[in-house]
Amino acid sequence: WSHFGSNIPDWYDSMHYNNSLSPFY
């Protein structure tokens, strides 16, 4: 699986750096 949409303007709300256990880290 590949994370989709990070390069699309206004697709997501925020970058997740707080929790290394998150799938969105």
PDB file of all heavy atoms in Angstrom:
ATOM      1  N   TRP A   1       0.829  -1.199   0.000  1.00  0.00           N
ATOM      2  CA  TRP A   1       0.000   0.000   0.000  1.00  0.00           C
ATOM      3  C   TRP A   1       0.866   1.252   0.000  1.00  0.00           C
ATOM      4  O   TRP A   1       1.910   1.284   0.652  1.00  0.00           O
ATOM      5  CB  TRP A   1      -0.907   0.018   1.229  1.00  0.00           C
ATOM      6  CG  TRP A   1      -1.921  -1.084   1.220  1.00  0.00           C
ATOM      7  CD1 TRP A   1      -1.777  -2.335   1.741  1.00  0.00           C
ATOM      8  CD2 TRP A   1      -3.215  -1.030   0.626  1.00  0.00           C
ATOM      9  NE1 TRP A   1      -2.915  -3.073   1.520  1.00  0.00           N
ATOM     10  CE2 TRP A   1      -3.812  -2.301   0.841  1.00  0.00           C
ATOM     11  CE3 TRP A   1      -3.928  -0.046  -0.059  1.00  0.00           C
ATOM     12  CZ2 TRP A   1      -5.095  -2.593   0.387  1.00  0.00           C
ATOM     13  CZ3 TRP A   1      -5.202  -0.337  -0.501  1.00  0.00           C
ATOM     14  CH2 TRP A   1      -5.775  -1.594  -0.281  1.00  0.00           C
ATOM     15  N   SER A   2       0.398   2.278  -0.713  1.00  0.00           N
ATOM     16  CA  SER A   2       1.106   3.558  -0.778  1.00  0.00           C
ATOM     17  C   SER A   2       0.190   4.672  -0.286  1.00  0.00           C
ATOM     18  O   SER A   2      -0.977   4.747  -0.683  1.00  0.00           O
ATOM     19  CB  SER A   2       1.539   3.866  -2.222  1.00  0.00           C
ATOM     20  OG  SER A   2       2.417   2.877  -2.712  1.00  0.00           O
ATOM     21  N   HIS A   3       0.729   5.509   0.592  1.00  0.00           N
ATOM     22  CA  HIS A   3      -0.012   6.681   1.060  1.00  0.00           C
ATOM     23  C   HIS A   3      -0.279   7.597  -0.126  1.00  0.00           C
ATOM     24  O   HIS A   3       0.616   7.897  -0.911  1.00  0.00           O
ATOM     25  CB  HIS A   3       0.814   7.397   2.126  1.00  0.00           C
ATOM     26  CG  HIS A   3       0.122   8.546   2.771  1.00  0.00           C
ATOM     27  ND1 HIS A   3       0.406   9.852   2.450  1.00  0.00           N
ATOM     28  CD2 HIS A   3      -0.837   8.603   3.737  1.00  0.00           C
ATOM     29  CE1 HIS A   3      -0.333  10.661   3.181  1.00  0.00           C
ATOM     30  NE2 HIS A   3      -1.092   9.928   3.973  1.00  0.00           N
ATOM     31  N   PHE A   4      -1.521   8.044  -0.262  1.00  0.00           N
ATOM     32  CA  PHE A   4      -1.922   8.814  -1.445  1.00  0.00           C
ATOM     33  C   PHE A   4      -2.301  10.238  -1.068  1.00  0.00           C
ATOM     34  O   PHE A   4      -2.955  10.471  -0.055  1.00  0.00           O
ATOM     35  CB  PHE A   4      -3.126   8.154  -2.123  1.00  0.00           C
ATOM     36  CG  PHE A   4      -3.633   8.906  -3.328  1.00  0.00           C
ATOM     37  CD1 PHE A   4      -3.028   8.744  -4.563  1.00  0.00           C
ATOM     38  CD2 PHE A   4      -4.691   9.788  -3.211  1.00  0.00           C
ATOM     39  CE1 PHE A   4      -3.478   9.446  -5.669  1.00  0.00           C
ATOM     40  CE2 PHE A   4      -5.153  10.500  -4.316  1.00  0.00           C
ATOM     41  CZ  PHE A   4      -4.543  10.328  -5.544  1.00  0.00           C
ATOM     42  N   GLY A   5      -1.868  11.199  -1.910  1.00  0.00           N
ATOM     43  CA  GLY A   5      -2.399  12.548  -1.863  1.00  0.00           C
ATOM     44  C   GLY A   5      -1.545  13.602  -1.201  1.00  0.00           C
ATOM     45  O   GLY A   5      -1.945  14.771  -1.170  1.00  0.00           O
ATOM     46  N   SER A   6      -0.387  13.254  -0.658  1.00  0.00           N
ATOM     47  CA  SER A   6       0.417  14.249   0.048  1.00  0.00           C
ATOM     48  C   SER A   6       0.862  15.397  -0.846  1.00  0.00           C
ATOM     49  O   SER A   6       1.103  16.512  -0.367  1.00  0.00           O
ATOM     50  CB  SER A   6       1.648  13.581   0.682  1.00  0.00           C
ATOM     51  OG  SER A   6       1.277  12.738   1.741  1.00  0.00           O
ATOM     52  N   ASN A   7       0.985  15.123  -2.149  1.00  0.00           N
ATOM     53  CA  ASN A   7       1.445  16.157  -3.081  1.00  0.00           C
ATOM     54  C   ASN A   7       0.297  16.946  -3.691  1.00  0.00           C
ATOM     55  O   ASN A   7       0.521  17.805  -4.550  1.00  0.00           O
ATOM     56  CB  ASN A   7       2.275  15.523  -4.199  1.00  0.00           C
ATOM     57  CG  ASN A   7       1.479  14.512  -5.018  1.00  0.00           C
ATOM     58  OD1 ASN A   7       0.507  13.942  -4.521  1.00  0.00           O
ATOM     59  ND2 ASN A   7       1.883  14.286  -6.257  1.00  0.00           N
ATOM     60  N   ILE A   8      -0.939  16.690  -3.268  1.00  0.00           N
ATOM     61  CA  ILE A   8      -2.096  17.394  -3.816  1.00  0.00           C
ATOM     62  C   ILE A   8      -2.448  18.553  -2.885  1.00  0.00           C
ATOM     63  O   ILE A   8      -2.705  18.343  -1.696  1.00  0.00           O
ATOM     64  CB  ILE A   8      -3.311  16.453  -3.948  1.00  0.00           C
ATOM     65  CG1 ILE A   8      -2.962  15.270  -4.849  1.00  0.00           C
ATOM     66  CG2 ILE A   8      -4.519  17.208  -4.490  1.00  0.00           C
ATOM     67  CD1 ILE A   8      -4.058  14.242  -4.938  1.00  0.00           C
ATOM     68  N   PRO A   9      -2.453  19.789  -3.386  1.00  0.00           N
ATOM     69  CA  PRO A   9      -2.764  20.939  -2.522  1.00  0.00           C
ATOM     70  C   PRO A   9      -4.135  20.795  -1.852  1.00  0.00           C
ATOM     71  O   PRO A   9      -5.120  20.417  -2.494  1.00  0.00           O
ATOM     72  CB  PRO A   9      -2.744  22.123  -3.500  1.00  0.00           C
ATOM     73  CG  PRO A   9      -1.863  21.672  -4.626  1.00  0.00           C
ATOM     74  CD  PRO A   9      -2.118  20.198  -4.761  1.00  0.00           C
ATOM     75  N   ASP A  10      -4.178  21.089  -0.553  1.00  0.00           N
ATOM     76  CA  ASP A  10      -5.416  21.091   0.237  1.00  0.00           C
ATOM     77  C   ASP A  10      -6.086  19.722   0.325  1.00  0.00           C
ATOM     78  O   ASP A  10      -7.272  19.631   0.669  1.00  0.00           O
ATOM     79  CB  ASP A  10      -6.418  22.109  -0.332  1.00  0.00           C
ATOM     80  CG  ASP A  10      -5.895  23.528  -0.285  1.00  0.00           C
ATOM     81  OD1 ASP A  10      -5.204  23.868   0.694  1.00  0.00           O
ATOM     82  OD2 ASP A  10      -6.147  24.284  -1.239  1.00  0.00           O
ATOM     83  N   TRP A  11      -5.349  18.653   0.060  1.00  0.00           N
ATOM     84  CA  TRP A  11      -5.937  17.319   0.165  1.00  0.00           C
ATOM     85  C   TRP A  11      -6.037  16.899   1.634  1.00  0.00           C
ATOM     86  O   TRP A  11      -7.058  16.406   2.075  1.00  0.00           O
ATOM     87  CB  TRP A  11      -5.091  16.324  -0.628  1.00  0.00           C
ATOM     88  CG  TRP A  11      -5.605  14.923  -0.637  1.00  0.00           C
ATOM     89  CD1 TRP A  11      -5.209  13.892   0.174  1.00  0.00           C
ATOM     90  CD2 TRP A  11      -6.608  14.381  -1.501  1.00  0.00           C
ATOM     91  NE1 TRP A  11      -5.890  12.742  -0.134  1.00  0.00           N
ATOM     92  CE2 TRP A  11      -6.763  13.013  -1.172  1.00  0.00           C
ATOM     93  CE3 TRP A  11      -7.385  14.911  -2.538  1.00  0.00           C
ATOM     94  CZ2 TRP A  11      -7.661  12.177  -1.817  1.00  0.00           C
ATOM     95  CZ3 TRP A  11      -8.279  14.083  -3.190  1.00  0.00           C
ATOM     96  CH2 TRP A  11      -8.417  12.728  -2.831  1.00  0.00           C
ATOM     97  N   TYR A  12      -4.955  17.096   2.387  1.00  0.00           N
ATOM     98  CA  TYR A  12      -4.927  16.751   3.803  1.00  0.00           C
ATOM     99  C   TYR A  12      -4.894  18.005   4.670  1.00  0.00           C
ATOM    100  O   TYR A  12      -4.753  19.124   4.165  1.00  0.00           O
ATOM    101  CB  TYR A  12      -3.715  15.877   4.123  1.00  0.00           C
ATOM    102  CG  TYR A  12      -3.825  14.468   3.597  1.00  0.00           C
ATOM    103  CD1 TYR A  12      -2.965  14.006   2.587  1.00  0.00           C
ATOM    104  CD2 TYR A  12      -4.766  13.579   4.108  1.00  0.00           C
ATOM    105  CE1 TYR A  12      -3.061  12.706   2.102  1.00  0.00           C
ATOM    106  CE2 TYR A  12      -4.856  12.281   3.632  1.00  0.00           C
ATOM    107  CZ  TYR A  12      -4.016  11.850   2.630  1.00  0.00           C
ATOM    108  OH  TYR A  12      -4.108  10.566   2.160  1.00  0.00           O
ATOM    109  N   ASP A  13      -5.001  17.790   6.003  1.00  0.00           N
ATOM    110  CA  ASP A  13      -5.051  18.907   6.941  1.00  0.00           C
ATOM    111  C   ASP A  13      -3.722  19.190   7.625  1.00  0.00           C
ATOM    112  O   ASP A  13      -3.363  20.353   7.817  1.00  0.00           O
ATOM    113  CB  ASP A  13      -6.109  18.629   8.023  1.00  0.00           C
ATOM    114  CG  ASP A  13      -7.517  18.565   7.460  1.00  0.00           C
ATOM    115  OD1 ASP A  13      -7.878  19.457   6.678  1.00  0.00           O
ATOM    116  OD2 ASP A  13      -8.242  17.611   7.793  1.00  0.00           O
ATOM    117  N   SER A  14      -2.998  18.159   8.052  1.00  0.00           N
ATOM    118  CA  SER A  14      -1.794  18.413   8.841  1.00  0.00           C
ATOM    119  C   SER A  14      -0.791  17.281   8.703  1.00  0.00           C
ATOM    120  O   SER A  14      -1.144  16.149   8.367  1.00  0.00           O
ATOM    121  CB  SER A  14      -2.146  18.617  10.321  1.00  0.00           C
ATOM    122  OG  SER A  14      -2.665  17.423  10.878  1.00  0.00           O
ATOM    123  N   MET A  15       0.471  17.608   8.977  1.00  0.00           N
ATOM    124  CA  MET A  15       1.547  16.617   9.012  1.00  0.00           C
ATOM    125  C   MET A  15       1.595  15.998  10.411  1.00  0.00           C
ATOM    126  O   MET A  15       1.470  16.698  11.409  1.00  0.00           O
ATOM    127  CB  MET A  15       2.884  17.277   8.678  1.00  0.00           C
ATOM    128  CG  MET A  15       4.065  16.334   8.706  1.00  0.00           C
ATOM    129  SD  MET A  15       4.061  15.129   7.352  1.00  0.00           S
ATOM    130  CE  MET A  15       4.490  16.187   5.966  1.00  0.00           C
ATOM    131  N   HIS A  16       1.785  14.684  10.477  1.00  0.00           N
ATOM    132  CA  HIS A  16       1.817  13.992  11.764  1.00  0.00           C
ATOM    133  C   HIS A  16       3.248  13.573  12.112  1.00  0.00           C
ATOM    134  O   HIS A  16       3.815  12.681  11.487  1.00  0.00           O
ATOM    135  CB  HIS A  16       0.903  12.769  11.719  1.00  0.00           C
ATOM    136  CG  HIS A  16      -0.541  13.112  11.862  1.00  0.00           C
ATOM    137  ND1 HIS A  16      -1.441  12.319  12.538  1.00  0.00           N
ATOM    138  CD2 HIS A  16      -1.253  14.185  11.433  1.00  0.00           C
ATOM    139  CE1 HIS A  16      -2.641  12.886  12.513  1.00  0.00           C
ATOM    140  NE2 HIS A  16      -2.545  14.008  11.830  1.00  0.00           N
ATOM    141  N   TYR A  17       3.806  14.254  13.123  1.00  0.00           N
ATOM    142  CA  TYR A  17       5.150  13.949  13.604  1.00  0.00           C
ATOM    143  C   TYR A  17       5.155  13.559  15.082  1.00  0.00           C
ATOM    144  O   TYR A  17       6.199  13.230  15.633  1.00  0.00           O
ATOM    145  CB  TYR A  17       6.057  15.172  13.443  1.00  0.00           C
ATOM    146  CG  TYR A  17       6.542  15.421  12.035  1.00  0.00           C
ATOM    147  CD1 TYR A  17       6.355  16.656  11.434  1.00  0.00           C
ATOM    148  CD2 TYR A  17       7.194  14.426  11.312  1.00  0.00           C
ATOM    149  CE1 TYR A  17       6.817  16.895  10.138  1.00  0.00           C
ATOM    150  CE2 TYR A  17       7.642  14.652  10.022  1.00  0.00           C
ATOM    151  CZ  TYR A  17       7.455  15.889   9.448  1.00  0.00           C
ATOM    152  OH  TYR A  17       7.905  16.126   8.172  1.00  0.00           O
ATOM    153  N   ASN A  18       4.002  13.600  15.744  1.00  0.00           N
ATOM    154  CA  ASN A  18       3.987  13.473  17.200  1.00  0.00           C
ATOM    155  C   ASN A  18       4.111  12.042  17.706  1.00  0.00           C
ATOM    156  O   ASN A  18       4.647  11.821  18.786  1.00  0.00           O
ATOM    157  CB  ASN A  18       2.695  14.088  17.763  1.00  0.00           C
ATOM    158  CG  ASN A  18       2.614  15.582  17.504  1.00  0.00           C
ATOM    159  OD1 ASN A  18       3.635  16.263  17.501  1.00  0.00           O
ATOM    160  ND2 ASN A  18       1.414  16.087  17.272  1.00  0.00           N
ATOM    161  N   ASN A  19       3.587  11.077  16.963  1.00  0.00           N
ATOM    162  CA  ASN A  19       3.502   9.707  17.464  1.00  0.00           C
ATOM    163  C   ASN A  19       4.137   8.746  16.468  1.00  0.00           C
ATOM    164  O   ASN A  19       3.586   8.506  15.396  1.00  0.00           O
ATOM    165  CB  ASN A  19       2.031   9.341  17.698  1.00  0.00           C
ATOM    166  CG  ASN A  19       1.851   7.988  18.353  1.00  0.00           C
ATOM    167  OD1 ASN A  19       2.795   7.222  18.514  1.00  0.00           O
ATOM    168  ND2 ASN A  19       0.613   7.686  18.739  1.00  0.00           N
ATOM    169  N   SER A  20       5.268   8.165  16.830  1.00  0.00           N
ATOM    170  CA  SER A  20       5.972   7.264  15.916  1.00  0.00           C
ATOM    171  C   SER A  20       5.219   5.956  15.691  1.00  0.00           C
ATOM    172  O   SER A  20       5.546   5.199  14.780  1.00  0.00           O
ATOM    173  CB  SER A  20       7.380   6.967  16.443  1.00  0.00           C
ATOM    174  OG  SER A  20       7.313   6.321  17.703  1.00  0.00           O
ATOM    175  N   LEU A  21       4.201   5.660  16.525  1.00  0.00           N
ATOM    176  CA  LEU A  21       3.415   4.450  16.370  1.00  0.00           C
ATOM    177  C   LEU A  21       2.238   4.644  15.411  1.00  0.00           C
ATOM    178  O   LEU A  21       1.559   3.677  15.061  1.00  0.00           O
ATOM    179  CB  LEU A  21       2.884   3.986  17.733  1.00  0.00           C
ATOM    180  CG  LEU A  21       3.944   3.643  18.784  1.00  0.00           C
ATOM    181  CD1 LEU A  21       3.273   3.228  20.081  1.00  0.00           C
ATOM    182  CD2 LEU A  21       4.873   2.549  18.282  1.00  0.00           C
ATOM    183  N   SER A  22       2.007   5.859  14.991  1.00  0.00           N
ATOM    184  CA  SER A  22       0.890   6.155  14.089  1.00  0.00           C
ATOM    185  C   SER A  22       1.213   5.708  12.667  1.00  0.00           C
ATOM    186  O   SER A  22       2.341   5.863  12.203  1.00  0.00           O
ATOM    187  CB  SER A  22       0.600   7.657  14.084  1.00  0.00           C
ATOM    188  OG  SER A  22      -0.303   7.992  13.039  1.00  0.00           O
ATOM    189  N   PRO A  23       0.227   5.160  11.934  1.00  0.00           N
ATOM    190  CA  PRO A  23       0.456   4.833  10.517  1.00  0.00           C
ATOM    191  C   PRO A  23       0.663   6.072   9.664  1.00  0.00           C
ATOM    192  O   PRO A  23       1.099   5.957   8.521  1.00  0.00           O
ATOM    193  CB  PRO A  23      -0.826   4.096  10.116  1.00  0.00           C
ATOM    194  CG  PRO A  23      -1.862   4.594  11.065  1.00  0.00           C
ATOM    195  CD  PRO A  23      -1.138   4.830  12.362  1.00  0.00           C
ATOM    196  N   PHE A  24       0.384   7.245  10.232  1.00  0.00           N
ATOM    197  CA  PHE A  24       0.586   8.509   9.514  1.00  0.00           C
ATOM    198  C   PHE A  24       1.844   9.238   9.961  1.00  0.00           C
ATOM    199  O   PHE A  24       2.056  10.391   9.582  1.00  0.00           O
ATOM    200  CB  PHE A  24      -0.633   9.423   9.715  1.00  0.00           C
ATOM    201  CG  PHE A  24      -1.929   8.801   9.312  1.00  0.00           C
ATOM    202  CD1 PHE A  24      -2.913   8.542  10.257  1.00  0.00           C
ATOM    203  CD2 PHE A  24      -2.164   8.448   8.001  1.00  0.00           C
ATOM    204  CE1 PHE A  24      -4.106   7.958   9.886  1.00  0.00           C
ATOM    205  CE2 PHE A  24      -3.355   7.855   7.620  1.00  0.00           C
ATOM    206  CZ  PHE A  24      -4.332   7.606   8.567  1.00  0.00           C
ATOM    207  N   TYR A  25       2.686   8.589  10.757  1.00  0.00           N
ATOM    208  CA  TYR A  25       3.895   9.247  11.242  1.00  0.00           C
ATOM    209  C   TYR A  25       4.758   9.689  10.060  1.00  0.00           C
ATOM    210  O   TYR A  25       5.116   8.891   9.199  1.00  0.00           O
ATOM    211  CB  TYR A  25       4.688   8.306  12.139  1.00  0.00           C
ATOM    212  CG  TYR A  25       5.933   8.926  12.734  1.00  0.00           C
ATOM    213  CD1 TYR A  25       5.849   9.943  13.675  1.00  0.00           C
ATOM    214  CD2 TYR A  25       7.197   8.483  12.344  1.00  0.00           C
ATOM    215  CE1 TYR A  25       6.986  10.502  14.229  1.00  0.00           C
ATOM    216  CE2 TYR A  25       8.343   9.043  12.896  1.00  0.00           C
ATOM    217  CZ  TYR A  25       8.240  10.055  13.827  1.00  0.00           C
ATOM    218  OH  TYR A  25       9.362  10.621  14.368  1.00  0.00           O
TER     219      TYR A  25
END
